């Protein structure tokens, strides 16, 4: 379920990108903030393009974003019943007490990691998640590079987004 939710999130972002690209191609810019709330959508509904097809294309993009957003909300609502009978529910319920971790992030993390007791120490967990820096050492010289990014990208993404929060 969390992977299906992630796929819908990618589709929402793609639909939003197509909508934004349409306005950039038409050189339509709002004087207000760059949000897509109700006020900018009302303003855009009043914008008249040079051709009759432009409002029709605009409405199609808006409907696509709305449909994908509603689909995402349905997936998020469907997650809760699936988590309740799961044996990892106590951990999923406890993780949101940490700063930056929400219910969906906790469920995603536990679904991707599975049984945490298989990791003997935090170093193994970090290595599994690809959160350890790469090392390039030769003789006395020691360099550390970017994250190795091995392991599951879904769990790593959730942890990084939690850190941003």
N, C-alpha and C. Protein backbone atom coordinates (compact mmCIF):
# COMPACT_ATOMS: atom_id res chain seq x y z
N UNK A 1 0.83 -1.21 0.00
CA UNK A 1 0.00 0.00 0.00
C UNK A 1 0.87 1.26 0.00
N UNK A 2 1.97 1.24 0.75
CA UNK A 2 2.81 2.44 0.77
C UNK A 2 3.51 2.65 -0.57
N UNK A 3 3.85 1.57 -1.24
CA UNK A 3 4.45 1.71 -2.57
C UNK A 3 3.41 2.25 -3.56
N UNK A 4 2.17 1.79 -3.45
CA UNK A 4 1.11 2.29 -4.33
C UNK A 4 0.87 3.77 -4.08
N UNK A 5 0.93 4.19 -2.82
CA UNK A 5 0.79 5.61 -2.49
C UNK A 5 1.93 6.42 -3.10
N UNK A 6 3.15 5.89 -3.06
CA UNK A 6 4.30 6.57 -3.64
C UNK A 6 4.14 6.75 -5.15
N UNK A 7 3.60 5.73 -5.82
CA UNK A 7 3.36 5.84 -7.26
C UNK A 7 2.35 6.95 -7.57
N UNK A 8 1.32 7.06 -6.74
CA UNK A 8 0.32 8.11 -6.94
C UNK A 8 0.95 9.48 -6.70
N UNK A 9 1.83 9.59 -5.70
CA UNK A 9 2.51 10.86 -5.46
C UNK A 9 3.32 11.29 -6.68
N UNK A 10 3.99 10.35 -7.32
CA UNK A 10 4.75 10.68 -8.53
C UNK A 10 3.83 11.16 -9.64
N UNK A 11 2.65 10.53 -9.75
CA UNK A 11 1.70 10.94 -10.78
C UNK A 11 1.13 12.34 -10.48
N UNK A 12 0.90 12.66 -9.21
CA UNK A 12 0.44 13.99 -8.82
C UNK A 12 1.49 15.03 -9.22
N UNK A 13 2.75 14.75 -8.90
CA UNK A 13 3.82 15.68 -9.24
C UNK A 13 3.95 15.85 -10.75
N UNK A 14 3.80 14.78 -11.50
CA UNK A 14 3.87 14.87 -12.97
C UNK A 14 2.73 15.72 -13.52
N UNK A 15 1.53 15.52 -12.99
CA UNK A 15 0.37 16.30 -13.45
C UNK A 15 0.56 17.78 -13.11
N UNK A 16 1.09 18.07 -11.92
CA UNK A 16 1.34 19.46 -11.54
C UNK A 16 2.40 20.07 -12.44
N UNK A 17 3.41 19.29 -12.78
CA UNK A 17 4.46 19.79 -13.68
C UNK A 17 3.93 20.10 -15.07
N UNK A 18 3.05 19.24 -15.59
CA UNK A 18 2.45 19.50 -16.90
C UNK A 18 1.61 20.77 -16.87
N UNK A 19 0.86 20.96 -15.79
CA UNK A 19 0.02 22.15 -15.67
C UNK A 19 0.89 23.41 -15.62
N UNK A 20 1.95 23.37 -14.82
CA UNK A 20 2.84 24.53 -14.71
C UNK A 20 3.54 24.81 -16.03
N UNK A 21 3.98 23.76 -16.72
CA UNK A 21 4.66 23.93 -18.00
C UNK A 21 3.73 24.58 -19.03
N UNK A 22 2.45 24.22 -18.98
CA UNK A 22 1.49 24.83 -19.90
C UNK A 22 1.45 26.34 -19.72
N UNK A 23 1.40 26.79 -18.47
CA UNK A 23 1.34 28.23 -18.22
C UNK A 23 2.64 28.93 -18.57
N UNK A 24 3.74 28.26 -18.36
CA UNK A 24 5.01 28.87 -18.75
C UNK A 24 5.11 29.00 -20.27
N UNK A 25 4.63 27.99 -21.00
CA UNK A 25 4.65 28.06 -22.47
C UNK A 25 3.77 29.19 -22.99
N UNK A 26 2.67 29.47 -22.29
CA UNK A 26 1.74 30.50 -22.72
C UNK A 26 2.11 31.87 -22.16
N UNK A 27 3.16 31.94 -21.36
CA UNK A 27 3.61 33.18 -20.71
C UNK A 27 2.51 33.78 -19.84
N UNK A 28 1.76 32.92 -19.17
CA UNK A 28 0.72 33.37 -18.24
C UNK A 28 1.32 33.34 -16.85
N UNK A 29 1.40 34.51 -16.23
CA UNK A 29 1.97 34.60 -14.89
C UNK A 29 1.04 35.39 -13.98
N UNK A 30 0.93 34.92 -12.77
CA UNK A 30 0.09 35.59 -11.79
C UNK A 30 0.93 36.58 -11.00
N UNK A 31 0.30 37.64 -10.53
CA UNK A 31 1.00 38.62 -9.70
C UNK A 31 1.04 38.16 -8.25
N UNK A 32 0.26 37.15 -7.91
CA UNK A 32 0.20 36.66 -6.53
C UNK A 32 1.26 35.62 -6.25
N UNK A 33 1.03 34.86 -5.19
CA UNK A 33 1.96 33.82 -4.80
C UNK A 33 1.89 32.65 -5.77
N UNK A 34 2.92 31.82 -5.73
CA UNK A 34 3.02 30.69 -6.65
C UNK A 34 2.39 29.43 -6.07
N UNK A 35 1.24 29.56 -5.44
CA UNK A 35 0.54 28.40 -4.90
C UNK A 35 -0.61 28.04 -5.84
N UNK A 36 -1.10 26.82 -5.68
CA UNK A 36 -2.21 26.38 -6.50
C UNK A 36 -3.43 26.17 -5.64
N UNK A 37 -3.74 27.14 -4.81
CA UNK A 37 -4.93 27.07 -3.98
C UNK A 37 -6.15 27.55 -4.74
N UNK A 38 -7.27 27.74 -4.03
CA UNK A 38 -8.51 28.16 -4.71
C UNK A 38 -8.42 29.53 -5.38
N UNK A 39 -7.74 30.51 -4.74
CA UNK A 39 -7.69 31.86 -5.31
C UNK A 39 -6.95 31.89 -6.66
N UNK A 40 -5.74 31.31 -6.78
CA UNK A 40 -5.10 31.32 -8.10
C UNK A 40 -5.89 30.56 -9.16
N UNK A 41 -6.58 29.49 -8.77
CA UNK A 41 -7.38 28.76 -9.75
C UNK A 41 -8.57 29.58 -10.23
N UNK A 42 -9.16 30.39 -9.32
CA UNK A 42 -10.25 31.28 -9.75
C UNK A 42 -9.71 32.33 -10.72
N UNK A 43 -8.51 32.87 -10.40
CA UNK A 43 -7.91 33.86 -11.29
C UNK A 43 -7.64 33.25 -12.66
N UNK A 44 -7.09 32.05 -12.67
CA UNK A 44 -6.75 31.40 -13.94
C UNK A 44 -8.00 31.05 -14.75
N UNK A 45 -9.11 30.79 -14.08
CA UNK A 45 -10.35 30.49 -14.80
C UNK A 45 -10.82 31.72 -15.58
N UNK A 46 -10.45 32.93 -15.12
CA UNK A 46 -10.85 34.16 -15.80
C UNK A 46 -9.89 34.54 -16.93
N UNK A 47 -8.69 33.96 -16.91
CA UNK A 47 -7.71 34.29 -17.95
C UNK A 47 -8.21 33.76 -19.29
N UNK A 48 -8.22 34.62 -20.27
CA UNK A 48 -8.66 34.23 -21.60
C UNK A 48 -7.42 34.15 -22.49
N UNK A 49 -7.22 33.00 -23.10
CA UNK A 49 -6.07 32.81 -23.98
C UNK A 49 -6.35 33.33 -25.37
N UNK A 50 -5.31 33.45 -26.19
CA UNK A 50 -5.51 33.95 -27.55
C UNK A 50 -6.28 32.97 -28.44
N UNK A 51 -6.31 31.69 -28.07
CA UNK A 51 -7.06 30.72 -28.87
C UNK A 51 -8.13 30.08 -27.99
N UNK A 52 -9.23 29.60 -28.57
CA UNK A 52 -10.28 28.98 -27.76
C UNK A 52 -9.85 27.66 -27.13
N UNK A 53 -8.81 27.04 -27.63
CA UNK A 53 -8.38 25.74 -27.10
C UNK A 53 -7.67 25.88 -25.75
N UNK A 54 -7.08 27.03 -25.48
CA UNK A 54 -6.30 27.17 -24.26
C UNK A 54 -7.11 26.98 -22.98
N UNK A 55 -8.28 27.60 -22.83
CA UNK A 55 -9.05 27.34 -21.62
C UNK A 55 -9.44 25.87 -21.48
N UNK A 56 -9.72 25.22 -22.61
CA UNK A 56 -10.08 23.81 -22.57
C UNK A 56 -8.89 22.97 -22.09
N UNK A 57 -7.70 23.26 -22.56
CA UNK A 57 -6.50 22.55 -22.14
C UNK A 57 -6.23 22.83 -20.67
N UNK A 58 -6.39 24.08 -20.27
CA UNK A 58 -6.19 24.45 -18.86
C UNK A 58 -7.10 23.63 -17.95
N UNK A 59 -8.38 23.56 -18.31
CA UNK A 59 -9.33 22.82 -17.48
C UNK A 59 -8.97 21.33 -17.43
N UNK A 60 -8.46 20.79 -18.52
CA UNK A 60 -8.05 19.39 -18.53
C UNK A 60 -6.89 19.17 -17.56
N UNK A 61 -5.93 20.09 -17.54
CA UNK A 61 -4.81 19.96 -16.61
C UNK A 61 -5.27 20.09 -15.16
N UNK A 62 -6.17 21.01 -14.90
CA UNK A 62 -6.68 21.19 -13.54
C UNK A 62 -7.43 19.94 -13.09
N UNK A 63 -8.25 19.39 -13.98
CA UNK A 63 -8.98 18.16 -13.64
C UNK A 63 -8.02 16.99 -13.38
N UNK A 64 -6.95 16.90 -14.15
CA UNK A 64 -5.98 15.82 -13.96
C UNK A 64 -5.31 15.94 -12.59
N UNK A 65 -4.94 17.14 -12.21
CA UNK A 65 -4.31 17.34 -10.90
C UNK A 65 -5.30 17.03 -9.79
N UNK A 66 -6.53 17.48 -9.93
CA UNK A 66 -7.55 17.22 -8.92
C UNK A 66 -7.81 15.72 -8.78
N UNK A 67 -7.90 15.02 -9.90
CA UNK A 67 -8.16 13.58 -9.85
C UNK A 67 -7.01 12.84 -9.17
N UNK A 68 -5.79 13.20 -9.49
CA UNK A 68 -4.64 12.53 -8.87
C UNK A 68 -4.55 12.86 -7.39
N UNK A 69 -4.88 14.09 -7.01
CA UNK A 69 -4.86 14.47 -5.60
C UNK A 69 -5.91 13.69 -4.83
N UNK A 70 -7.11 13.55 -5.39
CA UNK A 70 -8.16 12.75 -4.74
C UNK A 70 -7.74 11.30 -4.63
N UNK A 71 -7.08 10.79 -5.64
CA UNK A 71 -6.59 9.40 -5.61
C UNK A 71 -5.57 9.21 -4.49
N UNK A 72 -4.68 10.21 -4.32
CA UNK A 72 -3.69 10.16 -3.24
C UNK A 72 -4.39 10.14 -1.89
N UNK A 73 -5.40 10.97 -1.71
CA UNK A 73 -6.13 11.01 -0.44
C UNK A 73 -6.82 9.69 -0.16
N UNK A 74 -7.39 9.07 -1.19
CA UNK A 74 -8.03 7.76 -1.00
C UNK A 74 -7.01 6.71 -0.58
N UNK A 75 -5.82 6.74 -1.18
CA UNK A 75 -4.78 5.77 -0.81
C UNK A 75 -4.34 5.97 0.63
N UNK A 76 -4.22 7.23 1.06
CA UNK A 76 -3.81 7.50 2.43
C UNK A 76 -4.87 7.05 3.42
N UNK A 77 -6.14 7.25 3.08
CA UNK A 77 -7.22 6.79 3.95
C UNK A 77 -7.28 5.28 4.01
N UNK A 78 -6.93 4.61 2.93
CA UNK A 78 -6.97 3.15 2.89
C UNK A 78 -5.81 2.52 3.65
N UNK A 79 -4.78 3.28 3.96
CA UNK A 79 -3.62 2.73 4.67
C UNK A 79 -3.95 2.32 6.09
N UNK A 80 -4.72 3.12 6.79
CA UNK A 80 -4.98 2.87 8.21
C UNK A 80 -5.59 1.50 8.49
N UNK A 81 -6.64 1.07 7.77
CA UNK A 81 -7.19 -0.26 8.05
C UNK A 81 -6.19 -1.40 7.80
N UNK A 82 -5.28 -1.21 6.84
CA UNK A 82 -4.31 -2.25 6.54
C UNK A 82 -3.24 -2.36 7.62
N UNK A 83 -2.97 -1.27 8.30
CA UNK A 83 -1.91 -1.26 9.31
C UNK A 83 -2.40 -1.88 10.63
N UNK A 84 -3.67 -1.75 10.95
CA UNK A 84 -4.18 -2.19 12.25
C UNK A 84 -3.88 -3.64 12.61
N UNK A 85 -4.07 -4.62 11.71
CA UNK A 85 -3.78 -6.00 12.11
C UNK A 85 -2.30 -6.38 12.03
N UNK A 86 -1.47 -5.48 11.59
CA UNK A 86 -0.05 -5.75 11.39
C UNK A 86 0.67 -5.86 12.72
N UNK A 87 1.63 -6.75 12.81
CA UNK A 87 2.35 -6.94 14.08
C UNK A 87 3.27 -5.76 14.38
N UNK A 88 3.59 -4.94 13.40
CA UNK A 88 4.44 -3.78 13.62
C UNK A 88 3.70 -2.53 14.05
N UNK A 89 2.39 -2.67 14.34
CA UNK A 89 1.57 -1.52 14.70
C UNK A 89 2.08 -0.78 15.95
N UNK A 90 2.58 -1.43 16.98
CA UNK A 90 3.09 -0.66 18.13
C UNK A 90 4.26 0.25 17.75
N UNK A 91 5.12 -0.23 16.87
CA UNK A 91 6.26 0.59 16.44
C UNK A 91 5.77 1.74 15.56
N UNK A 92 4.84 1.46 14.66
CA UNK A 92 4.28 2.50 13.80
C UNK A 92 3.57 3.56 14.63
N UNK A 93 2.91 3.14 15.70
CA UNK A 93 2.21 4.09 16.57
C UNK A 93 3.20 4.91 17.40
N UNK A 94 4.36 4.34 17.74
CA UNK A 94 5.33 5.04 18.58
C UNK A 94 6.22 6.00 17.78
N UNK A 95 6.51 5.69 16.53
CA UNK A 95 7.42 6.51 15.74
C UNK A 95 6.95 7.95 15.53
N UNK A 96 5.64 8.23 15.37
CA UNK A 96 5.24 9.62 15.20
C UNK A 96 5.53 10.52 16.40
N UNK A 97 5.93 9.94 17.52
CA UNK A 97 6.34 10.78 18.65
C UNK A 97 7.66 11.48 18.36
N UNK A 98 8.42 10.95 17.41
CA UNK A 98 9.67 11.59 17.00
C UNK A 98 9.36 12.77 16.09
N UNK A 99 10.16 13.78 16.17
CA UNK A 99 9.96 14.97 15.37
C UNK A 99 10.20 14.65 13.88
N UNK A 100 9.29 15.07 13.03
CA UNK A 100 9.42 14.88 11.60
C UNK A 100 8.89 13.56 11.08
N UNK A 101 8.37 12.70 11.97
CA UNK A 101 7.88 11.40 11.53
C UNK A 101 6.36 11.38 11.68
N UNK A 102 5.67 11.21 10.57
CA UNK A 102 4.22 11.11 10.59
C UNK A 102 3.82 9.65 10.44
N UNK A 103 2.53 9.39 10.58
CA UNK A 103 2.02 8.02 10.52
C UNK A 103 2.40 7.32 9.22
N UNK A 104 2.22 8.00 8.10
CA UNK A 104 2.51 7.39 6.80
C UNK A 104 4.00 7.13 6.66
N UNK A 105 4.83 8.07 7.13
CA UNK A 105 6.28 7.87 7.07
C UNK A 105 6.70 6.69 7.94
N UNK A 106 6.10 6.57 9.12
CA UNK A 106 6.42 5.44 10.01
C UNK A 106 6.01 4.12 9.38
N UNK A 107 4.84 4.07 8.79
CA UNK A 107 4.38 2.85 8.13
C UNK A 107 5.25 2.47 6.95
N UNK A 108 5.65 3.47 6.17
CA UNK A 108 6.54 3.22 5.03
C UNK A 108 7.87 2.68 5.50
N UNK A 109 8.42 3.30 6.52
CA UNK A 109 9.73 2.89 7.04
C UNK A 109 9.70 1.45 7.54
N UNK A 110 8.69 1.11 8.34
CA UNK A 110 8.61 -0.25 8.87
C UNK A 110 8.30 -1.28 7.79
N UNK A 111 7.48 -0.90 6.82
CA UNK A 111 7.18 -1.84 5.73
C UNK A 111 8.43 -2.12 4.90
N UNK A 112 9.26 -1.11 4.71
CA UNK A 112 10.48 -1.29 3.91
C UNK A 112 11.57 -2.04 4.68
N UNK A 113 11.67 -1.78 5.99
CA UNK A 113 12.75 -2.40 6.78
C UNK A 113 12.41 -3.80 7.25
N UNK A 114 11.15 -4.05 7.50
CA UNK A 114 10.77 -5.37 8.02
C UNK A 114 11.15 -5.49 9.49
N UNK A 115 11.67 -6.63 9.89
CA UNK A 115 12.03 -6.91 11.28
C UNK A 115 13.32 -6.17 11.64
N UNK A 116 13.23 -5.24 12.56
CA UNK A 116 14.40 -4.45 12.96
C UNK A 116 15.41 -5.25 13.77
N UNK A 117 14.99 -6.38 14.34
CA UNK A 117 15.91 -7.16 15.16
C UNK A 117 16.99 -7.85 14.32
N UNK A 118 16.84 -7.83 13.01
CA UNK A 118 17.87 -8.45 12.17
C UNK A 118 19.12 -7.60 12.06
N UNK A 119 19.05 -6.35 12.51
CA UNK A 119 20.22 -5.47 12.52
C UNK A 119 20.83 -5.52 13.92
N UNK A 120 22.10 -5.95 14.00
CA UNK A 120 22.77 -6.07 15.29
C UNK A 120 23.12 -4.72 15.90
N UNK A 121 23.38 -3.73 15.06
CA UNK A 121 23.74 -2.40 15.58
C UNK A 121 23.29 -1.34 14.58
N UNK A 122 23.30 -0.08 15.00
CA UNK A 122 22.85 1.01 14.11
C UNK A 122 23.69 1.12 12.84
N UNK A 123 24.95 0.74 12.90
CA UNK A 123 25.82 0.83 11.72
C UNK A 123 25.28 -0.07 10.60
N UNK A 124 24.80 -1.25 10.95
CA UNK A 124 24.25 -2.15 9.94
C UNK A 124 22.97 -1.56 9.32
N UNK A 125 22.15 -0.94 10.16
CA UNK A 125 20.93 -0.32 9.65
C UNK A 125 21.27 0.84 8.71
N UNK A 126 22.20 1.70 9.11
CA UNK A 126 22.61 2.81 8.25
C UNK A 126 23.17 2.30 6.92
N UNK A 127 23.95 1.24 7.00
CA UNK A 127 24.52 0.67 5.79
C UNK A 127 23.43 0.10 4.89
N UNK A 128 22.45 -0.57 5.48
CA UNK A 128 21.34 -1.14 4.71
C UNK A 128 20.55 -0.04 4.01
N UNK A 129 20.38 1.09 4.68
CA UNK A 129 19.61 2.19 4.11
C UNK A 129 20.41 3.04 3.13
N UNK A 130 21.71 2.84 3.06
CA UNK A 130 22.54 3.64 2.17
C UNK A 130 22.81 5.02 2.72
N UNK A 131 22.80 5.15 4.04
CA UNK A 131 23.02 6.45 4.68
C UNK A 131 24.44 6.59 5.23
N UNK A 132 25.35 5.78 4.74
CA UNK A 132 26.75 5.91 5.14
C UNK A 132 27.51 6.59 4.01
N UNK A 133 28.49 7.41 4.35
CA UNK A 133 29.25 8.07 3.28
C UNK A 133 30.18 7.08 2.58
N UNK A 134 30.39 7.30 1.31
CA UNK A 134 31.35 6.47 0.60
C UNK A 134 32.75 6.91 1.00
N UNK A 135 33.70 5.98 0.96
CA UNK A 135 35.07 6.28 1.37
C UNK A 135 36.03 5.94 0.24
N UNK A 136 36.97 6.82 0.03
CA UNK A 136 38.03 6.62 -0.95
C UNK A 136 39.35 6.84 -0.22
N UNK A 137 39.99 5.77 0.18
CA UNK A 137 41.21 5.87 0.97
C UNK A 137 42.38 5.24 0.22
N UNK A 138 43.52 5.86 0.34
CA UNK A 138 44.74 5.33 -0.24
C UNK A 138 45.91 5.83 0.59
N UNK A 139 46.60 4.91 1.22
CA UNK A 139 47.73 5.29 2.06
C UNK A 139 47.26 6.15 3.22
N UNK A 140 47.88 7.29 3.40
CA UNK A 140 47.54 8.18 4.51
C UNK A 140 46.33 9.06 4.17
N UNK A 141 45.98 9.15 2.90
CA UNK A 141 44.88 10.01 2.47
C UNK A 141 43.54 9.29 2.67
N UNK A 142 42.60 10.01 3.26
CA UNK A 142 41.26 9.45 3.50
C UNK A 142 40.22 10.46 3.05
N UNK A 143 39.38 10.07 2.11
CA UNK A 143 38.31 10.95 1.62
C UNK A 143 36.97 10.29 1.85
N UNK A 144 36.02 11.10 2.27
CA UNK A 144 34.64 10.62 2.37
C UNK A 144 33.82 11.34 1.32
N UNK A 145 33.00 10.57 0.63
CA UNK A 145 32.20 11.13 -0.44
C UNK A 145 30.72 11.20 -0.07
N UNK A 146 29.90 11.17 -1.08
CA UNK A 146 28.45 11.26 -0.90
C UNK A 146 27.92 9.95 -0.32
N UNK A 147 26.62 9.94 0.00
CA UNK A 147 25.98 8.73 0.51
C UNK A 147 26.09 7.61 -0.51
N UNK A 148 26.19 6.39 -0.03
CA UNK A 148 26.33 5.25 -0.93
C UNK A 148 25.04 4.93 -1.68
N UNK A 149 23.91 5.24 -1.09
CA UNK A 149 22.58 5.04 -1.70
C UNK A 149 22.32 3.59 -2.08
N UNK A 150 22.86 2.67 -1.31
CA UNK A 150 22.51 1.27 -1.51
C UNK A 150 21.23 1.00 -0.73
N UNK A 151 20.63 -0.13 -0.93
CA UNK A 151 19.43 -0.48 -0.18
C UNK A 151 18.18 0.14 -0.75
N UNK A 152 17.17 0.22 0.08
CA UNK A 152 15.85 0.65 -0.36
C UNK A 152 15.75 2.18 -0.44
N UNK A 153 15.41 2.68 -1.59
CA UNK A 153 15.31 4.13 -1.78
C UNK A 153 14.07 4.70 -1.11
N UNK A 154 13.01 3.89 -0.97
CA UNK A 154 11.77 4.38 -0.35
C UNK A 154 12.00 4.73 1.11
N UNK A 155 12.65 3.85 1.85
CA UNK A 155 12.92 4.12 3.26
C UNK A 155 13.88 5.30 3.41
N UNK A 156 14.88 5.37 2.57
CA UNK A 156 15.85 6.48 2.62
C UNK A 156 15.14 7.80 2.34
N UNK A 157 14.24 7.82 1.36
CA UNK A 157 13.50 9.04 1.03
C UNK A 157 12.66 9.50 2.21
N UNK A 158 11.98 8.55 2.89
CA UNK A 158 11.14 8.89 4.02
C UNK A 158 11.99 9.49 5.16
N UNK A 159 13.13 8.89 5.42
CA UNK A 159 14.01 9.40 6.47
C UNK A 159 14.56 10.79 6.15
N UNK A 160 14.92 11.00 4.91
CA UNK A 160 15.46 12.30 4.52
C UNK A 160 14.38 13.36 4.58
N UNK A 161 13.16 13.04 4.13
CA UNK A 161 12.06 14.01 4.23
C UNK A 161 11.73 14.31 5.68
N UNK A 162 11.81 13.31 6.56
CA UNK A 162 11.58 13.53 7.99
C UNK A 162 12.65 14.45 8.57
N UNK A 163 13.89 14.30 8.11
CA UNK A 163 14.96 15.18 8.58
C UNK A 163 14.74 16.61 8.12
N UNK A 164 14.21 16.79 6.91
CA UNK A 164 13.90 18.13 6.42
C UNK A 164 12.83 18.79 7.29
N UNK A 165 11.87 17.99 7.74
CA UNK A 165 10.77 18.54 8.54
C UNK A 165 11.28 18.99 9.89
